[in-house]
Structure formats: C-alpha cells, structure tokens
C-alpha cells in the first residue's frame, strides 16, 4: 500500500467527539479535542475533518454565518459536521466521561 494509511488516531478521536455531540462545528470539535486528548494543531483537526468527509466517515450538515466581534471581522462562518455512513470508531471511555461528567461547550 502506498501513501498514508486511511486509519488515523486523530480522526478516530474526532469521530468519538461527533458521536457524543451528534453535531458540531470545526472549532468546537477542536476545543473539545484539547480537553480530552493530547494537544494537536487546529490544522490537523481541519485536515482530518476534510479527509473524513472524503472517506464518508463524516458528513457536512451545512454552514451558518454568525455575527459577533471577531479578530478578522464581524461574522464567522461555522461549518457543521455529523457522523457519516462509514463511520467506524474505537470507543474511547475518555470521551463519554468528558461529555457525561462535564458541562458541554
């Protein structure tokens, strides 16, 4: 097999977060990821979201523009994700403990 393997620990962790939250946008996934798992760069999260969509492990559920005071302007576009039809993950007890024992973001 050439190239990178299609399995990824980071993507599996993202799938676990989506399974617990049902629907989330990219930065929300990143914030929860940092609270549960070892630190990763936000670009890695967005890379694996894009790769997960390509592999049909993750489904895009639409975008929403929100107004606010952001460093880049007055609006932010949030892209929402859910689990896709090919989502298979290894259960992480840490994720369930985090979402069942803590206030959701």
C-alpha atoms as a PDB file:
ATOM      1  CA  UNK A   1       0.000   0.000   0.000  1.00  0.00           C
ATOM      2  CA  UNK A   2       1.383   3.399  -0.958  1.00  0.00           C
ATOM      3  CA  UNK A   3       0.702   6.696   0.747  1.00  0.00           C
ATOM      4  CA  UNK A   4      -0.710   7.347   4.167  1.00  0.00           C
ATOM      5  CA  UNK A   5      -2.874   4.743   5.865  1.00  0.00           C
ATOM      6  CA  UNK A   6      -6.595   5.529   5.808  1.00  0.00           C
ATOM      7  CA  UNK A   7      -6.920   4.977   9.575  1.00  0.00           C
ATOM      8  CA  UNK A   8      -5.980   7.780  11.912  1.00  0.00           C
ATOM      9  CA  UNK A   9      -5.980   8.137  15.683  1.00  0.00           C
ATOM     10  CA  UNK A  10      -6.841  11.843  15.407  1.00  0.00           C
ATOM     11  CA  UNK A  11      -9.756  11.159  13.039  1.00  0.00           C
ATOM     12  CA  UNK A  12     -10.992   8.339  15.300  1.00  0.00           C
ATOM     13  CA  UNK A  13     -10.977  10.793  18.218  1.00  0.00           C
ATOM     14  CA  UNK A  14     -12.901  13.333  16.132  1.00  0.00           C
ATOM     15  CA  UNK A  15     -15.468  10.638  15.294  1.00  0.00           C
ATOM     16  CA  UNK A  16     -15.828   9.875  19.002  1.00  0.00           C
ATOM     17  CA  UNK A  17     -16.496  13.551  19.738  1.00  0.00           C
ATOM     18  CA  UNK A  18     -19.072  13.721  16.935  1.00  0.00           C
ATOM     19  CA  UNK A  19     -20.721  10.566  18.224  1.00  0.00           C
ATOM     20  CA  UNK A  20     -21.107  12.147  21.662  1.00  0.00           C
ATOM     21  CA  UNK A  21     -22.186  15.599  20.450  1.00  0.00           C
ATOM     22  CA  UNK A  22     -24.179  14.430  17.388  1.00  0.00           C
ATOM     23  CA  UNK A  23     -23.457  17.723  15.546  1.00  0.00           C
ATOM     24  CA  UNK A  24     -20.591  20.206  15.942  1.00  0.00           C
ATOM     25  CA  UNK A  25     -18.604  22.802  14.017  1.00  0.00           C
ATOM     26  CA  UNK A  26     -14.843  22.620  13.450  1.00  0.00           C
ATOM     27  CA  UNK A  27     -13.588  24.924  16.202  1.00  0.00           C
ATOM     28  CA  UNK A  28     -16.000  23.382  18.714  1.00  0.00           C
ATOM     29  CA  UNK A  29     -14.543  19.947  17.883  1.00  0.00           C
ATOM     30  CA  UNK A  30     -11.031  21.383  18.328  1.00  0.00           C
ATOM     31  CA  UNK A  31     -11.879  22.871  21.751  1.00  0.00           C
ATOM     32  CA  UNK A  32     -13.313  19.577  22.984  1.00  0.00           C
ATOM     33  CA  UNK A  33     -10.409  17.620  21.490  1.00  0.00           C
ATOM     34  CA  UNK A  34      -7.898  19.654  23.519  1.00  0.00           C
ATOM     35  CA  UNK A  35      -9.815  18.972  26.728  1.00  0.00           C
ATOM     36  CA  UNK A  36      -9.867  15.202  26.193  1.00  0.00           C
ATOM     37  CA  UNK A  37      -6.815  14.189  24.140  1.00  0.00           C
ATOM     38  CA  UNK A  38      -3.166  15.263  23.736  1.00  0.00           C
ATOM     39  CA  UNK A  39      -2.630  18.625  22.089  1.00  0.00           C
ATOM     40  CA  UNK A  40      -2.863  18.831  18.291  1.00  0.00           C
ATOM     41  CA  UNK A  41      -2.722  21.762  15.917  1.00  0.00           C
ATOM     42  CA  UNK A  42      -6.054  23.096  14.688  1.00  0.00           C
ATOM     43  CA  UNK A  43      -4.898  22.467  11.109  1.00  0.00           C
ATOM     44  CA  UNK A  44      -4.739  18.745  11.917  1.00  0.00           C
ATOM     45  CA  UNK A  45      -8.374  18.834  13.032  1.00  0.00           C
ATOM     46  CA  UNK A  46      -9.495  20.543   9.828  1.00  0.00           C
ATOM     47  CA  UNK A  47      -7.337  18.192   7.707  1.00  0.00           C
ATOM     48  CA  UNK A  48      -8.998  15.158   9.291  1.00  0.00           C
ATOM     49  CA  UNK A  49     -12.468  16.671   9.001  1.00  0.00           C
ATOM     50  CA  UNK A  50     -11.865  17.150   5.270  1.00  0.00           C
ATOM     51  CA  UNK A  51     -10.386  13.654   4.922  1.00  0.00           C
ATOM     52  CA  UNK A  52     -13.297  12.182   6.904  1.00  0.00           C
ATOM     53  CA  UNK A  53     -15.785  13.847   4.557  1.00  0.00           C
ATOM     54  CA  UNK A  54     -13.888  12.417   1.588  1.00  0.00           C
ATOM     55  CA  UNK A  55     -13.956   8.906   3.139  1.00  0.00           C
ATOM     56  CA  UNK A  56     -17.669   9.356   4.078  1.00  0.00           C
ATOM     57  CA  UNK A  57     -16.857   8.871   7.759  1.00  0.00           C
ATOM     58  CA  UNK A  58     -18.051  12.444   8.379  1.00  0.00           C
ATOM     59  CA  UNK A  59     -20.964  14.287   6.776  1.00  0.00           C
ATOM     60  CA  UNK A  60     -21.242  18.040   6.234  1.00  0.00           C
ATOM     61  CA  UNK A  61     -24.509  19.272   7.749  1.00  0.00           C
ATOM     62  CA  UNK A  62     -24.459  22.828   6.471  1.00  0.00           C
ATOM     63  CA  UNK A  63     -22.959  26.189   7.273  1.00  0.00           C
ATOM     64  CA  UNK A  64     -24.179  29.085   9.338  1.00  0.00           C
ATOM     65  CA  UNK A  65     -22.911  32.660   9.499  1.00  0.00           C
ATOM     66  CA  UNK A  66     -22.844  34.143  12.978  1.00  0.00           C
ATOM     67  CA  UNK A  67     -22.350  37.774  13.822  1.00  0.00           C
ATOM     68  CA  UNK A  68     -20.001  38.794  16.580  1.00  0.00           C
ATOM     69  CA  UNK A  69     -16.773  40.595  17.381  1.00  0.00           C
ATOM     70  CA  UNK A  70     -14.006  38.500  15.866  1.00  0.00           C
ATOM     71  CA  UNK A  71     -10.389  39.479  15.252  1.00  0.00           C
ATOM     72  CA  UNK A  72     -10.962  39.075  11.487  1.00  0.00           C
ATOM     73  CA  UNK A  73     -14.285  40.910  11.225  1.00  0.00           C
ATOM     74  CA  UNK A  74     -17.913  40.891  12.235  1.00  0.00           C
ATOM     75  CA  UNK A  75     -19.027  37.441  11.006  1.00  0.00           C
ATOM     76  CA  UNK A  76     -17.848  33.862  11.299  1.00  0.00           C
ATOM     77  CA  UNK A  77     -18.915  31.017   9.064  1.00  0.00           C
ATOM     78  CA  UNK A  78     -19.393  27.794  11.005  1.00  0.00           C
ATOM     79  CA  UNK A  79     -19.389  24.511   9.097  1.00  0.00           C
ATOM     80  CA  UNK A  80     -21.301  21.796  10.958  1.00  0.00           C
ATOM     81  CA  UNK A  81     -20.392  18.095  10.846  1.00  0.00           C
ATOM     82  CA  UNK A  82     -22.058  14.828  11.901  1.00  0.00           C
ATOM     83  CA  UNK A  83     -21.075  11.178  11.658  1.00  0.00           C
ATOM     84  CA  UNK A  84     -21.175   9.761   8.153  1.00  0.00           C
ATOM     85  CA  UNK A  85     -22.417   6.391   6.898  1.00  0.00           C
ATOM     86  CA  UNK A  86     -18.938   4.808   7.004  1.00  0.00           C
ATOM     87  CA  UNK A  87     -18.022   5.993  10.491  1.00  0.00           C
ATOM     88  CA  UNK A  88     -16.349   3.204  12.450  1.00  0.00           C
ATOM     89  CA  UNK A  89     -14.502   4.121  15.594  1.00  0.00           C
ATOM     90  CA  UNK A  90     -12.865   2.529  18.578  1.00  0.00           C
ATOM     91  CA  UNK A  91     -14.746   3.515  21.716  1.00  0.00           C
ATOM     92  CA  UNK A  92     -12.813   5.921  23.927  1.00  0.00           C
ATOM     93  CA  UNK A  93     -14.019   5.924  27.514  1.00  0.00           C
ATOM     94  CA  UNK A  94     -12.468   9.393  27.966  1.00  0.00           C
ATOM     95  CA  UNK A  95     -14.958  10.945  25.543  1.00  0.00           C
ATOM     96  CA  UNK A  96     -18.056   9.574  27.272  1.00  0.00           C
ATOM     97  CA  UNK A  97     -16.665  10.545  30.664  1.00  0.00           C
ATOM     98  CA  UNK A  98     -15.982  14.080  29.408  1.00  0.00           C
ATOM     99  CA  UNK A  99     -19.429  14.669  27.959  1.00  0.00           C
ATOM    100  CA  UNK A 100     -21.409  12.858  30.653  1.00  0.00           C
ATOM    101  CA  UNK A 101     -19.450  14.336  33.547  1.00  0.00           C
ATOM    102  CA  UNK A 102     -18.839  17.900  32.307  1.00  0.00           C
ATOM    103  CA  UNK A 103     -20.856  20.800  31.015  1.00  0.00           C
ATOM    104  CA  UNK A 104     -20.988  20.817  27.210  1.00  0.00           C
ATOM    105  CA  UNK A 105     -19.414  23.656  25.303  1.00  0.00           C
END
